[in-house]
C-alpha atoms as a PDB file:
ATOM      1  CA  MET A   1     -24.781  -0.436 -40.286  1.00  0.00           C
ATOM      2  CA  LEU A   2     -28.026   0.260 -38.253  1.00  0.00           C
ATOM      3  CA  ASP A   3     -30.630   2.413 -39.865  1.00  0.00           C
ATOM      4  CA  HIS A   4     -32.646   2.743 -36.403  1.00  0.00           C
ATOM      5  CA  ILE A   5     -33.351   0.812 -33.140  1.00  0.00           C
ATOM      6  CA  GLY A   6     -36.658  -0.139 -31.807  1.00  0.00           C
ATOM      7  CA  LEU A   7     -37.990  -0.694 -28.163  1.00  0.00           C
ATOM      8  CA  ARG A   8     -41.150  -2.378 -27.739  1.00  0.00           C
ATOM      9  CA  THR A   9     -43.083  -1.807 -24.550  1.00  0.00           C
ATOM     10  CA  ALA A  10     -46.259  -2.463 -22.574  1.00  0.00           C
ATOM     11  CA  GLN A  11     -46.232   1.293 -20.949  1.00  0.00           C
ATOM     12  CA  MET A  12     -46.202   3.459 -24.130  1.00  0.00           C
ATOM     13  CA  ASP A  13     -46.721   6.929 -22.206  1.00  0.00           C
ATOM     14  CA  THR A  14     -44.196   6.000 -19.434  1.00  0.00           C
ATOM     15  CA  LEU A  15     -41.508   5.017 -21.682  1.00  0.00           C
ATOM     16  CA  VAL A  16     -42.368   8.126 -24.315  1.00  0.00           C
ATOM     17  CA  SER A  17     -42.113  10.481 -21.555  1.00  0.00           C
ATOM     18  CA  PHE A  18     -39.039   9.102 -20.210  1.00  0.00           C
ATOM     19  CA  TYR A  19     -37.330   9.341 -23.320  1.00  0.00           C
ATOM     20  CA  LYS A  20     -38.479  13.047 -24.275  1.00  0.00           C
ATOM     21  CA  ALA A  21     -36.916  14.236 -21.075  1.00  0.00           C
ATOM     22  CA  ALA A  22     -33.510  12.086 -21.242  1.00  0.00           C
ATOM     23  CA  LEU A  23     -32.829  12.417 -25.166  1.00  0.00           C
ATOM     24  CA  ALA A  24     -33.701  15.905 -25.150  1.00  0.00           C
ATOM     25  CA  THR A  25     -30.324  16.549 -23.380  1.00  0.00           C
ATOM     26  CA  LEU A  26     -28.702  14.979 -26.737  1.00  0.00           C
ATOM     27  CA  GLY A  27     -30.678  17.343 -29.177  1.00  0.00           C
ATOM     28  CA  TYR A  28     -33.244  14.453 -29.817  1.00  0.00           C
ATOM     29  CA  GLY A  29     -36.806  15.119 -30.444  1.00  0.00           C
ATOM     30  CA  VAL A  30     -40.031  13.209 -31.515  1.00  0.00           C
ATOM     31  CA  LEU A  31     -40.053  13.373 -35.349  1.00  0.00           C
ATOM     32  CA  MET A  32     -42.759  10.895 -36.090  1.00  0.00           C
ATOM     33  CA  GLU A  33     -45.579   9.797 -33.836  1.00  0.00           C
ATOM     34  CA  PHE A  34     -48.803   7.657 -34.965  1.00  0.00           C
ATOM     35  CA  PRO A  35     -51.046   5.185 -32.935  1.00  0.00           C
ATOM     36  CA  GLY A  36     -48.742   2.825 -31.102  1.00  0.00           C
ATOM     37  CA  ALA A  37     -45.507   4.262 -32.362  1.00  0.00           C
ATOM     38  CA  VAL A  38     -42.981   7.087 -31.673  1.00  0.00           C
ATOM     39  CA  GLY A  39     -39.807   7.833 -33.540  1.00  0.00           C
ATOM     40  CA  PHE A  40     -36.964  10.104 -31.968  1.00  0.00           C
ATOM     41  CA  GLY A  41     -34.244  11.302 -33.682  1.00  0.00           C
ATOM     42  CA  ARG A  42     -32.237  14.701 -34.672  1.00  0.00           C
ATOM     43  CA  GLU A  43     -32.869  14.512 -38.437  1.00  0.00           C
ATOM     44  CA  THR A  44     -34.406  11.105 -38.830  1.00  0.00           C
ATOM     45  CA  PRO A  45     -36.251   8.923 -36.569  1.00  0.00           C
ATOM     46  CA  ASP A  46     -33.514   6.430 -35.787  1.00  0.00           C
ATOM     47  CA  PHE A  47     -34.564   5.522 -32.380  1.00  0.00           C
ATOM     48  CA  CYS A  48     -38.277   4.307 -31.983  1.00  0.00           C
ATOM     49  CA  ILE A  49     -40.741   2.984 -29.489  1.00  0.00           C
ATOM     50  CA  GLY A  50     -43.707   0.799 -30.191  1.00  0.00           C
ATOM     51  CA  GLU A  51     -46.415  -0.513 -28.352  1.00  0.00           C
ATOM     52  CA  ALA A  52     -46.581  -4.227 -27.231  1.00  0.00           C
ATOM     53  CA  ASP A  53     -47.806  -6.642 -24.895  1.00  0.00           C
ATOM     54  CA  LYS A  54     -44.445  -7.151 -23.437  1.00  0.00           C
ATOM     55  CA  ALA A  55     -41.250  -5.071 -23.189  1.00  0.00           C
ATOM     56  CA  SER A  56     -37.863  -5.634 -24.703  1.00  0.00           C
ATOM     57  CA  ASN A  57     -34.887  -5.972 -22.520  1.00  0.00           C
ATOM     58  CA  ILE A  58     -31.616  -4.934 -24.041  1.00  0.00           C
ATOM     59  CA  HIS A  59     -28.725  -2.736 -23.393  1.00  0.00           C
ATOM     60  CA  LEU A  60     -28.410   0.581 -25.541  1.00  0.00           C
ATOM     61  CA  ALA A  61     -25.392   3.113 -25.474  1.00  0.00           C
ATOM     62  CA  PHE A  62     -26.312   6.626 -26.528  1.00  0.00           C
ATOM     63  CA  VAL A  63     -23.189   8.936 -27.658  1.00  0.00           C
ATOM     64  CA  ALA A  64     -22.817  12.272 -26.000  1.00  0.00           C
ATOM     65  CA  LYS A  65     -20.618  15.192 -27.466  1.00  0.00           C
ATOM     66  CA  GLU A  66     -19.514  16.291 -24.119  1.00  0.00           C
ATOM     67  CA  ARG A  67     -19.142  15.207 -20.584  1.00  0.00           C
ATOM     68  CA  ALA A  68     -21.883  17.812 -19.361  1.00  0.00           C
ATOM     69  CA  GLN A  69     -24.294  15.886 -21.554  1.00  0.00           C
ATOM     70  CA  VAL A  70     -23.588  12.580 -19.962  1.00  0.00           C
ATOM     71  CA  ASP A  71     -24.498  14.366 -16.589  1.00  0.00           C
ATOM     72  CA  ALA A  72     -27.652  15.885 -18.053  1.00  0.00           C
ATOM     73  CA  PHE A  73     -28.878  12.519 -19.464  1.00  0.00           C
ATOM     74  CA  TYR A  74     -28.319  10.731 -16.402  1.00  0.00           C
ATOM     75  CA  ALA A  75     -29.954  13.519 -14.145  1.00  0.00           C
ATOM     76  CA  ALA A  76     -33.067  13.675 -16.594  1.00  0.00           C
ATOM     77  CA  ALA A  77     -33.355   9.875 -16.541  1.00  0.00           C
ATOM     78  CA  LEU A  78     -33.362   9.527 -12.901  1.00  0.00           C
ATOM     79  CA  ALA A  79     -35.861  12.304 -12.699  1.00  0.00           C
ATOM     80  CA  GLN A  80     -38.271  10.479 -15.229  1.00  0.00           C
ATOM     81  CA  GLY A  81     -38.306   7.177 -13.027  1.00  0.00           C
ATOM     82  CA  GLY A  82     -35.023   5.658 -14.272  1.00  0.00           C
ATOM     83  CA  ALA A  83     -32.791   3.759 -11.515  1.00  0.00           C
ATOM     84  CA  ASP A  84     -29.155   4.304 -11.109  1.00  0.00           C
ATOM     85  CA  ASN A  85     -27.113   1.712 -12.514  1.00  0.00           C
ATOM     86  CA  GLY A  86     -23.782   3.539 -12.387  1.00  0.00           C
ATOM     87  CA  PRO A  87     -23.290   7.270 -12.029  1.00  0.00           C
ATOM     88  CA  PRO A  88     -21.478   9.531 -14.438  1.00  0.00           C
ATOM     89  CA  GLY A  89     -17.765   9.284 -14.251  1.00  0.00           C
ATOM     90  CA  GLU A  90     -14.597   7.674 -16.098  1.00  0.00           C
ATOM     91  CA  ARG A  91     -14.368   4.310 -16.828  1.00  0.00           C
ATOM     92  CA  ASP A  92     -11.515   2.161 -17.845  1.00  0.00           C
ATOM     93  CA  TYR A  93     -12.794   0.614 -20.992  1.00  0.00           C
ATOM     94  CA  ALA A  94     -11.152   2.976 -23.358  1.00  0.00           C
ATOM     95  CA  PRO A  95      -8.959   6.408 -22.979  1.00  0.00           C
ATOM     96  CA  ASN A  96     -11.339   9.165 -22.206  1.00  0.00           C
ATOM     97  CA  TYR A  97     -14.277   6.749 -21.842  1.00  0.00           C
ATOM     98  CA  TYR A  98     -16.783   8.927 -19.824  1.00  0.00           C
ATOM     99  CA  ALA A  99     -20.085   7.185 -19.055  1.00  0.00           C
ATOM    100  CA  ALA A 100     -23.201   6.842 -17.049  1.00  0.00           C
ATOM    101  CA  PHE A 101     -25.704   4.019 -16.718  1.00  0.00           C
ATOM    102  CA  VAL A 102     -29.389   3.872 -15.843  1.00  0.00           C
ATOM    103  CA  ILE A 103     -32.166   1.401 -16.042  1.00  0.00           C
ATOM    104  CA  ASP A 104     -35.370   2.571 -17.919  1.00  0.00           C
ATOM    105  CA  PRO A 105     -38.798   2.083 -16.604  1.00  0.00           C
ATOM    106  CA  ASP A 106     -38.976  -1.163 -18.786  1.00  0.00           C
ATOM    107  CA  GLY A 107     -35.742  -2.498 -17.374  1.00  0.00           C
ATOM    108  CA  ASN A 108     -33.426  -1.582 -20.166  1.00  0.00           C
ATOM    109  CA  ASN A 109     -29.963  -0.925 -19.291  1.00  0.00           C
ATOM    110  CA  LEU A 110     -29.156   2.458 -21.051  1.00  0.00           C
ATOM    111  CA  GLU A 111     -25.404   4.036 -21.234  1.00  0.00           C
ATOM    112  CA  ILE A 112     -24.925   7.528 -22.198  1.00  0.00           C
ATOM    113  CA  VAL A 113     -20.885   7.874 -23.063  1.00  0.00           C
ATOM    114  CA  CYS A 114     -18.794  10.530 -24.069  1.00  0.00           C
ATOM    115  CA  HIS A 115     -15.223   9.693 -25.826  1.00  0.00           C
ATOM    116  CA  SER A 116     -13.879  13.311 -25.498  1.00  0.00           C
ATOM    117  CA  ALA A 117     -11.471  14.314 -22.678  1.00  0.00           C
END
């Protein structure tokens, strides 16, 4: 099991602003902050961003409890400079799979998914 996930970025302020807006739609907030690092979470900082010379590029999938959160995350991410990589909608991956995809300012592929009807 994972305890937390971390991204590395060369544009700390941009990425922190992006994730503050996008993750707020899922009830996440900044729970830890010190020079060069920010930790987001609901109860514990399980998603972290750290300053680096080079960005990491990965795929991250965040869970939404309801489809409206998928829509809200997608809208907030685009408003903060994210790029569309697949608008909200049902996918054929599994029953009730409703998701959206966004590329964050560092090029990470984000998915926000709801498994509820």
